[in-house]
Amino acid sequence: MIDMEAAMRQAAEVMMEVIKEKELTEFVRDFKDESGFMWSSDKRVHEIGNDPRVDRCGHSGSSFAICMRICQNQLRTDDI
């Protein structure tokens, strides 16, 4: 059986590495697009999602958006 919590935590760690490497921390932290991450047409969201390391996590649109929100929350919490 797959431990979904552990899998999402690992996917968020990978995504956070990509966000930081691409210098998109402020963008993700401050993101407020009405479409959300899942439906955003912003090229920076696509840049994160199309990174091979993120792609290997096998995200659906929903899990990608949730993972982005986990990263966003972490970035906001780190600023406190």
PDB file of N, CA and C in Angstrom:
ATOM      1  N   MET A   1       0.837  -1.175   0.000  1.00  0.00           N
ATOM      2  CA  MET A   1       0.000   0.000   0.000  1.00  0.00           C
ATOM      3  C   MET A   1       0.890   1.249   0.000  1.00  0.00           C
ATOM      4  N   ILE A   2       0.493   2.257  -0.743  1.00  0.00           N
ATOM      5  CA  ILE A   2       1.238   3.505  -0.849  1.00  0.00           C
ATOM      6  C   ILE A   2       0.879   4.414   0.317  1.00  0.00           C
ATOM      7  N   ASP A   3       1.883   4.958   0.963  1.00  0.00           N
ATOM      8  CA  ASP A   3       1.687   5.952   2.015  1.00  0.00           C
ATOM      9  C   ASP A   3       1.557   7.309   1.312  1.00  0.00           C
ATOM     10  N   MET A   4       0.322   7.753   1.111  1.00  0.00           N
ATOM     11  CA  MET A   4       0.071   8.967   0.338  1.00  0.00           C
ATOM     12  C   MET A   4       0.645  10.215   1.006  1.00  0.00           C
ATOM     13  N   GLU A   5       0.603  10.252   2.317  1.00  0.00           N
ATOM     14  CA  GLU A   5       1.152  11.410   3.015  1.00  0.00           C
ATOM     15  C   GLU A   5       2.655  11.518   2.773  1.00  0.00           C
ATOM     16  N   ALA A   6       3.342  10.395   2.867  1.00  0.00           N
ATOM     17  CA  ALA A   6       4.788  10.389   2.627  1.00  0.00           C
ATOM     18  C   ALA A   6       5.096  10.722   1.169  1.00  0.00           C
ATOM     19  N   ALA A   7       4.285  10.209   0.257  1.00  0.00           N
ATOM     20  CA  ALA A   7       4.495  10.483  -1.171  1.00  0.00           C
ATOM     21  C   ALA A   7       4.303  11.966  -1.473  1.00  0.00           C
ATOM     22  N   MET A   8       3.290  12.591  -0.875  1.00  0.00           N
ATOM     23  CA  MET A   8       3.046  14.017  -1.110  1.00  0.00           C
ATOM     24  C   MET A   8       4.140  14.858  -0.469  1.00  0.00           C
ATOM     25  N   ARG A   9       4.606  14.455   0.689  1.00  0.00           N
ATOM     26  CA  ARG A   9       5.688  15.173   1.354  1.00  0.00           C
ATOM     27  C   ARG A   9       6.958  15.129   0.485  1.00  0.00           C
ATOM     28  N   GLN A  10       7.260  13.953  -0.067  1.00  0.00           N
ATOM     29  CA  GLN A  10       8.434  13.817  -0.928  1.00  0.00           C
ATOM     30  C   GLN A  10       8.268  14.655  -2.207  1.00  0.00           C
ATOM     31  N   ALA A  11       7.066  14.628  -2.792  1.00  0.00           N
ATOM     32  CA  ALA A  11       6.814  15.417  -3.999  1.00  0.00           C
ATOM     33  C   ALA A  11       6.953  16.907  -3.709  1.00  0.00           C
ATOM     34  N   ALA A  12       6.506  17.345  -2.537  1.00  0.00           N
ATOM     35  CA  ALA A  12       6.633  18.758  -2.161  1.00  0.00           C
ATOM     36  C   ALA A  12       8.095  19.143  -1.976  1.00  0.00           C
ATOM     37  N   GLU A  13       8.895  18.235  -1.437  1.00  0.00           N
ATOM     38  CA  GLU A  13      10.325  18.507  -1.285  1.00  0.00           C
ATOM     39  C   GLU A  13      10.995  18.688  -2.646  1.00  0.00           C
ATOM     40  N   VAL A  14      10.637  17.822  -3.581  1.00  0.00           N
ATOM     41  CA  VAL A  14      11.179  17.929  -4.942  1.00  0.00           C
ATOM     42  C   VAL A  14      10.739  19.249  -5.564  1.00  0.00           C
ATOM     43  N   MET A  15       9.463  19.568  -5.421  1.00  0.00           N
ATOM     44  CA  MET A  15       8.928  20.789  -6.009  1.00  0.00           C
ATOM     45  C   MET A  15       9.591  22.021  -5.394  1.00  0.00           C
ATOM     46  N   MET A  16       9.804  21.993  -4.091  1.00  0.00           N
ATOM     47  CA  MET A  16      10.433  23.132  -3.425  1.00  0.00           C
ATOM     48  C   MET A  16      11.853  23.332  -3.937  1.00  0.00           C
ATOM     49  N   GLU A  17      12.580  22.250  -4.163  1.00  0.00           N
ATOM     50  CA  GLU A  17      13.925  22.356  -4.737  1.00  0.00           C
ATOM     51  C   GLU A  17      13.879  23.054  -6.090  1.00  0.00           C
ATOM     52  N   VAL A  18      12.919  22.657  -6.918  1.00  0.00           N
ATOM     53  CA  VAL A  18      12.771  23.243  -8.250  1.00  0.00           C
ATOM     54  C   VAL A  18      12.420  24.723  -8.138  1.00  0.00           C
ATOM     55  N   ILE A  19      11.485  25.059  -7.262  1.00  0.00           N
ATOM     56  CA  ILE A  19      11.069  26.454  -7.073  1.00  0.00           C
ATOM     57  C   ILE A  19      12.260  27.311  -6.665  1.00  0.00           C
ATOM     58  N   LYS A  20      13.035  26.823  -5.716  1.00  0.00           N
ATOM     59  CA  LYS A  20      14.187  27.587  -5.250  1.00  0.00           C
ATOM     60  C   LYS A  20      15.267  27.689  -6.321  1.00  0.00           C
ATOM     61  N   GLU A  21      15.525  26.579  -7.006  1.00  0.00           N
ATOM     62  CA  GLU A  21      16.550  26.575  -8.054  1.00  0.00           C
ATOM     63  C   GLU A  21      16.207  27.545  -9.173  1.00  0.00           C
ATOM     64  N   LYS A  22      14.942  27.634  -9.508  1.00  0.00           N
ATOM     65  CA  LYS A  22      14.498  28.512 -10.592  1.00  0.00           C
ATOM     66  C   LYS A  22      14.229  29.942 -10.105  1.00  0.00           C
ATOM     67  N   GLU A  23      14.526  30.181  -8.816  1.00  0.00           N
ATOM     68  CA  GLU A  23      14.349  31.500  -8.207  1.00  0.00           C
ATOM     69  C   GLU A  23      12.907  32.000  -8.333  1.00  0.00           C
ATOM     70  N   LEU A  24      11.972  31.114  -8.025  1.00  0.00           N
ATOM     71  CA  LEU A  24      10.553  31.441  -8.114  1.00  0.00           C
ATOM     72  C   LEU A  24       9.878  31.456  -6.740  1.00  0.00           C
ATOM     73  N   THR A  25      10.668  31.599  -5.688  1.00  0.00           N
ATOM     74  CA  THR A  25      10.089  31.555  -4.341  1.00  0.00           C
ATOM     75  C   THR A  25       9.109  32.702  -4.103  1.00  0.00           C
ATOM     76  N   GLU A  26       9.460  33.913  -4.481  1.00  0.00           N
ATOM     77  CA  GLU A  26       8.547  35.047  -4.285  1.00  0.00           C
ATOM     78  C   GLU A  26       7.289  34.881  -5.120  1.00  0.00           C
ATOM     79  N   PHE A  27       7.437  34.404  -6.340  1.00  0.00           N
ATOM     80  CA  PHE A  27       6.275  34.189  -7.206  1.00  0.00           C
ATOM     81  C   PHE A  27       5.300  33.206  -6.558  1.00  0.00           C
ATOM     82  N   VAL A  28       5.801  32.065  -6.097  1.00  0.00           N
ATOM     83  CA  VAL A  28       4.926  31.050  -5.496  1.00  0.00           C
ATOM     84  C   VAL A  28       4.350  31.573  -4.185  1.00  0.00           C
ATOM     85  N   ARG A  29       5.163  32.184  -3.363  1.00  0.00           N
ATOM     86  CA  ARG A  29       4.696  32.706  -2.074  1.00  0.00           C
ATOM     87  C   ARG A  29       3.555  33.703  -2.260  1.00  0.00           C
ATOM     88  N   ASP A  30       3.666  34.589  -3.244  1.00  0.00           N
ATOM     89  CA  ASP A  30       2.702  35.669  -3.427  1.00  0.00           C
ATOM     90  C   ASP A  30       1.629  35.370  -4.474  1.00  0.00           C
ATOM     91  N   PHE A  31       1.601  34.181  -5.022  1.00  0.00           N
ATOM     92  CA  PHE A  31       0.679  33.799  -6.099  1.00  0.00           C
ATOM     93  C   PHE A  31      -0.777  33.990  -5.674  1.00  0.00           C
ATOM     94  N   LYS A  32      -1.558  34.707  -6.519  1.00  0.00           N
ATOM     95  CA  LYS A  32      -2.976  34.956  -6.217  1.00  0.00           C
ATOM     96  C   LYS A  32      -3.850  34.898  -7.467  1.00  0.00           C
ATOM     97  N   ASP A  33      -3.466  34.143  -8.447  1.00  0.00           N
ATOM     98  CA  ASP A  33      -4.227  34.016  -9.691  1.00  0.00           C
ATOM     99  C   ASP A  33      -5.604  33.432  -9.389  1.00  0.00           C
ATOM    100  N   GLU A  34      -6.659  34.041  -9.916  1.00  0.00           N
ATOM    101  CA  GLU A  34      -8.029  33.553  -9.692  1.00  0.00           C
ATOM    102  C   GLU A  34      -8.219  32.120 -10.159  1.00  0.00           C
ATOM    103  N   SER A  35      -7.439  31.698 -11.117  1.00  0.00           N
ATOM    104  CA  SER A  35      -7.551  30.345 -11.663  1.00  0.00           C
ATOM    105  C   SER A  35      -6.890  29.306 -10.775  1.00  0.00           C
ATOM    106  N   GLY A  36      -6.095  29.745  -9.816  1.00  0.00           N
ATOM    107  CA  GLY A  36      -5.341  28.814  -8.983  1.00  0.00           C
ATOM    108  C   GLY A  36      -4.179  28.228  -9.764  1.00  0.00           C
ATOM    109  N   PHE A  37      -3.406  27.416  -9.087  1.00  0.00           N
ATOM    110  CA  PHE A  37      -2.245  26.812  -9.739  1.00  0.00           C
ATOM    111  C   PHE A  37      -2.656  25.829 -10.832  1.00  0.00           C
ATOM    112  N   MET A  38      -3.740  25.097 -10.599  1.00  0.00           N
ATOM    113  CA  MET A  38      -4.143  24.049 -11.534  1.00  0.00           C
ATOM    114  C   MET A  38      -4.503  24.592 -12.912  1.00  0.00           C
ATOM    115  N   TRP A  39      -5.160  25.722 -12.960  1.00  0.00           N
ATOM    116  CA  TRP A  39      -5.644  26.259 -14.233  1.00  0.00           C
ATOM    117  C   TRP A  39      -4.879  27.493 -14.691  1.00  0.00           C
ATOM    118  N   SER A  40      -3.817  27.832 -13.997  1.00  0.00           N
ATOM    119  CA  SER A  40      -3.056  29.028 -14.340  1.00  0.00           C
ATOM    120  C   SER A  40      -2.389  28.895 -15.709  1.00  0.00           C
ATOM    121  N   SER A  41      -2.372  30.000 -16.422  1.00  0.00           N
ATOM    122  CA  SER A  41      -1.657  30.025 -17.708  1.00  0.00           C
ATOM    123  C   SER A  41      -0.313  30.740 -17.569  1.00  0.00           C
ATOM    124  N   ASP A  42       0.062  31.067 -16.339  1.00  0.00           N
ATOM    125  CA  ASP A  42       1.334  31.741 -16.100  1.00  0.00           C
ATOM    126  C   ASP A  42       2.490  30.815 -16.467  1.00  0.00           C
ATOM    127  N   LYS A  43       3.402  31.318 -17.251  1.00  0.00           N
ATOM    128  CA  LYS A  43       4.521  30.498 -17.737  1.00  0.00           C
ATOM    129  C   LYS A  43       5.381  29.962 -16.598  1.00  0.00           C
ATOM    130  N   ARG A  44       5.415  30.663 -15.466  1.00  0.00           N
ATOM    131  CA  ARG A  44       6.241  30.207 -14.347  1.00  0.00           C
ATOM    132  C   ARG A  44       5.650  28.959 -13.688  1.00  0.00           C
ATOM    133  N   VAL A  45       4.335  28.870 -13.658  1.00  0.00           N
ATOM    134  CA  VAL A  45       3.692  27.659 -13.137  1.00  0.00           C
ATOM    135  C   VAL A  45       4.022  26.487 -14.047  1.00  0.00           C
ATOM    136  N   HIS A  46       3.949  26.726 -15.347  1.00  0.00           N
ATOM    137  CA  HIS A  46       4.270  25.678 -16.318  1.00  0.00           C
ATOM    138  C   HIS A  46       5.759  25.304 -16.261  1.00  0.00           C
ATOM    139  N   GLU A  47       6.598  26.276 -15.986  1.00  0.00           N
ATOM    140  CA  GLU A  47       8.039  26.011 -15.870  1.00  0.00           C
ATOM    141  C   GLU A  47       8.302  25.038 -14.708  1.00  0.00           C
ATOM    142  N   ILE A  48       7.600  25.231 -13.609  1.00  0.00           N
ATOM    143  CA  ILE A  48       7.740  24.326 -12.468  1.00  0.00           C
ATOM    144  C   ILE A  48       7.189  22.946 -12.824  1.00  0.00           C
ATOM    145  N   GLY A  49       5.988  22.926 -13.362  1.00  0.00           N
ATOM    146  CA  GLY A  49       5.325  21.655 -13.675  1.00  0.00           C
ATOM    147  C   GLY A  49       5.998  20.845 -14.754  1.00  0.00           C
ATOM    148  N   ASN A  50       6.690  21.515 -15.661  1.00  0.00           N
ATOM    149  CA  ASN A  50       7.355  20.810 -16.757  1.00  0.00           C
ATOM    150  C   ASN A  50       8.787  20.405 -16.439  1.00  0.00           C
ATOM    151  N   ASP A  51       9.264  20.763 -15.264  1.00  0.00           N
ATOM    152  CA  ASP A  51      10.603  20.336 -14.878  1.00  0.00           C
ATOM    153  C   ASP A  51      10.598  18.807 -14.775  1.00  0.00           C
ATOM    154  N   PRO A  52      11.589  18.133 -15.328  1.00  0.00           N
ATOM    155  CA  PRO A  52      11.605  16.665 -15.325  1.00  0.00           C
ATOM    156  C   PRO A  52      11.494  16.040 -13.938  1.00  0.00           C
ATOM    157  N   ARG A  53      12.061  16.703 -12.937  1.00  0.00           N
ATOM    158  CA  ARG A  53      11.982  16.149 -11.577  1.00  0.00           C
ATOM    159  C   ARG A  53      10.554  16.185 -11.049  1.00  0.00           C
ATOM    160  N   VAL A  54       9.838  17.257 -11.325  1.00  0.00           N
ATOM    161  CA  VAL A  54       8.430  17.363 -10.907  1.00  0.00           C
ATOM    162  C   VAL A  54       7.591  16.411 -11.743  1.00  0.00           C
ATOM    163  N   ASP A  55       7.873  16.348 -13.029  1.00  0.00           N
ATOM    164  CA  ASP A  55       7.126  15.461 -13.927  1.00  0.00           C
ATOM    165  C   ASP A  55       7.223  13.998 -13.485  1.00  0.00           C
ATOM    166  N   ARG A  56       8.386  13.594 -13.010  1.00  0.00           N
ATOM    167  CA  ARG A  56       8.573  12.209 -12.554  1.00  0.00           C
ATOM    168  C   ARG A  56       7.728  11.863 -11.335  1.00  0.00           C
ATOM    169  N   CYS A  57       7.242  12.866 -10.632  1.00  0.00           N
ATOM    170  CA  CYS A  57       6.378  12.606  -9.468  1.00  0.00           C
ATOM    171  C   CYS A  57       5.009  12.085  -9.893  1.00  0.00           C
ATOM    172  N   GLY A  58       4.664  12.231 -11.175  1.00  0.00           N
ATOM    173  CA  GLY A  58       3.428  11.674 -11.700  1.00  0.00           C
ATOM    174  C   GLY A  58       2.169  12.391 -11.237  1.00  0.00           C
ATOM    175  N   HIS A  59       2.249  13.708 -11.100  1.00  0.00           N
ATOM    176  CA  HIS A  59       1.102  14.478 -10.623  1.00  0.00           C
ATOM    177  C   HIS A  59      -0.082  14.444 -11.578  1.00  0.00           C
ATOM    178  N   SER A  60      -1.267  14.416 -10.987  1.00  0.00           N
ATOM    179  CA  SER A  60      -2.480  14.796 -11.708  1.00  0.00           C
ATOM    180  C   SER A  60      -2.561  16.317 -11.580  1.00  0.00           C
ATOM    181  N   GLY A  61      -3.509  16.947 -12.242  1.00  0.00           N
ATOM    182  CA  GLY A  61      -3.673  18.393 -12.072  1.00  0.00           C
ATOM    183  C   GLY A  61      -3.952  18.755 -10.626  1.00  0.00           C
ATOM    184  N   SER A  62      -4.766  17.948  -9.999  1.00  0.00           N
ATOM    185  CA  SER A  62      -5.143  18.194  -8.610  1.00  0.00           C
ATOM    186  C   SER A  62      -3.953  18.040  -7.659  1.00  0.00           C
ATOM    187  N   SER A  63      -3.215  16.957  -7.788  1.00  0.00           N
ATOM    188  CA  SER A  63      -2.082  16.760  -6.867  1.00  0.00           C
ATOM    189  C   SER A  63      -0.991  17.805  -7.100  1.00  0.00           C
ATOM    190  N   PHE A  64      -0.838  18.251  -8.346  1.00  0.00           N
ATOM    191  CA  PHE A  64       0.112  19.324  -8.636  1.00  0.00           C
ATOM    192  C   PHE A  64      -0.290  20.591  -7.892  1.00  0.00           C
ATOM    193  N   ALA A  65      -1.574  20.948  -7.982  1.00  0.00           N
ATOM    194  CA  ALA A  65      -2.068  22.159  -7.322  1.00  0.00           C
ATOM    195  C   ALA A  65      -1.930  22.056  -5.805  1.00  0.00           C
ATOM    196  N   ILE A  66      -2.244  20.901  -5.252  1.00  0.00           N
ATOM    197  CA  ILE A  66      -2.110  20.707  -3.812  1.00  0.00           C
ATOM    198  C   ILE A  66      -0.652  20.829  -3.398  1.00  0.00           C
ATOM    199  N   CYS A  67       0.224  20.230  -4.151  1.00  0.00           N
ATOM    200  CA  CYS A  67       1.651  20.277  -3.855  1.00  0.00           C
ATOM    201  C   CYS A  67       2.162  21.720  -3.936  1.00  0.00           C
ATOM    202  N   MET A  68       1.699  22.474  -4.915  1.00  0.00           N
ATOM    203  CA  MET A  68       2.084  23.886  -5.021  1.00  0.00           C
ATOM    204  C   MET A  68       1.603  24.656  -3.799  1.00  0.00           C
ATOM    205  N   ARG A  69       0.391  24.356  -3.325  1.00  0.00           N
ATOM    206  CA  ARG A  69      -0.142  25.035  -2.129  1.00  0.00           C
ATOM    207  C   ARG A  69       0.653  24.646  -0.882  1.00  0.00           C
ATOM    208  N   ILE A  70       1.108  23.415  -0.806  1.00  0.00           N
ATOM    209  CA  ILE A  70       1.967  23.006   0.311  1.00  0.00           C
ATOM    210  C   ILE A  70       3.250  23.835   0.288  1.00  0.00           C
ATOM    211  N   CYS A  71       3.842  23.971  -0.879  1.00  0.00           N
ATOM    212  CA  CYS A  71       5.063  24.772  -1.018  1.00  0.00           C
ATOM    213  C   CYS A  71       4.780  26.237  -0.696  1.00  0.00           C
ATOM    214  N   GLN A  72       3.678  26.759  -1.189  1.00  0.00           N
ATOM    215  CA  GLN A  72       3.319  28.147  -0.920  1.00  0.00           C
ATOM    216  C   GLN A  72       3.163  28.381   0.587  1.00  0.00           C
ATOM    217  N   ASN A  73       2.473  27.467   1.239  1.00  0.00           N
ATOM    218  CA  ASN A  73       2.284  27.594   2.681  1.00  0.00           C
ATOM    219  C   ASN A  73       3.631  27.558   3.404  1.00  0.00           C
ATOM    220  N   GLN A  74       4.505  26.674   2.989  1.00  0.00           N
ATOM    221  CA  GLN A  74       5.832  26.586   3.606  1.00  0.00           C
ATOM    222  C   GLN A  74       6.620  27.869   3.402  1.00  0.00           C
ATOM    223  N   LEU A  75       6.553  28.430   2.205  1.00  0.00           N
ATOM    224  CA  LEU A  75       7.263  29.677   1.927  1.00  0.00           C
ATOM    225  C   LEU A  75       6.701  30.823   2.746  1.00  0.00           C
ATOM    226  N   ARG A  76       5.396  30.858   2.932  1.00  0.00           N
ATOM    227  CA  ARG A  76       4.776  31.912   3.747  1.00  0.00           C
ATOM    228  C   ARG A  76       5.123  31.739   5.214  1.00  0.00           C
ATOM    229  N   THR A  77       5.163  30.510   5.678  1.00  0.00           N
ATOM    230  CA  THR A  77       5.493  30.222   7.076  1.00  0.00           C
ATOM    231  C   THR A  77       6.943  30.552   7.368  1.00  0.00           C
ATOM    232  N   ASP A  78       7.815  30.258   6.415  1.00  0.00           N
ATOM    233  CA  ASP A  78       9.248  30.535   6.592  1.00  0.00           C
ATOM    234  C   ASP A  78       9.528  32.020   6.731  1.00  0.00           C
ATOM    235  N   ASP A  79       8.640  32.869   6.166  1.00  0.00           N
ATOM    236  CA  ASP A  79       8.843  34.316   6.209  1.00  0.00           C
ATOM    237  C   ASP A  79       8.439  34.929   7.542  1.00  0.00           C
ATOM    238  N   ILE A  80       7.734  34.165   8.351  1.00  0.00           N
ATOM    239  CA  ILE A  80       7.235  34.700   9.637  1.00  0.00           C
ATOM    240  C   ILE A  80       8.346  34.769  10.652  1.00  0.00           C
TER     241      ILE A  80
END
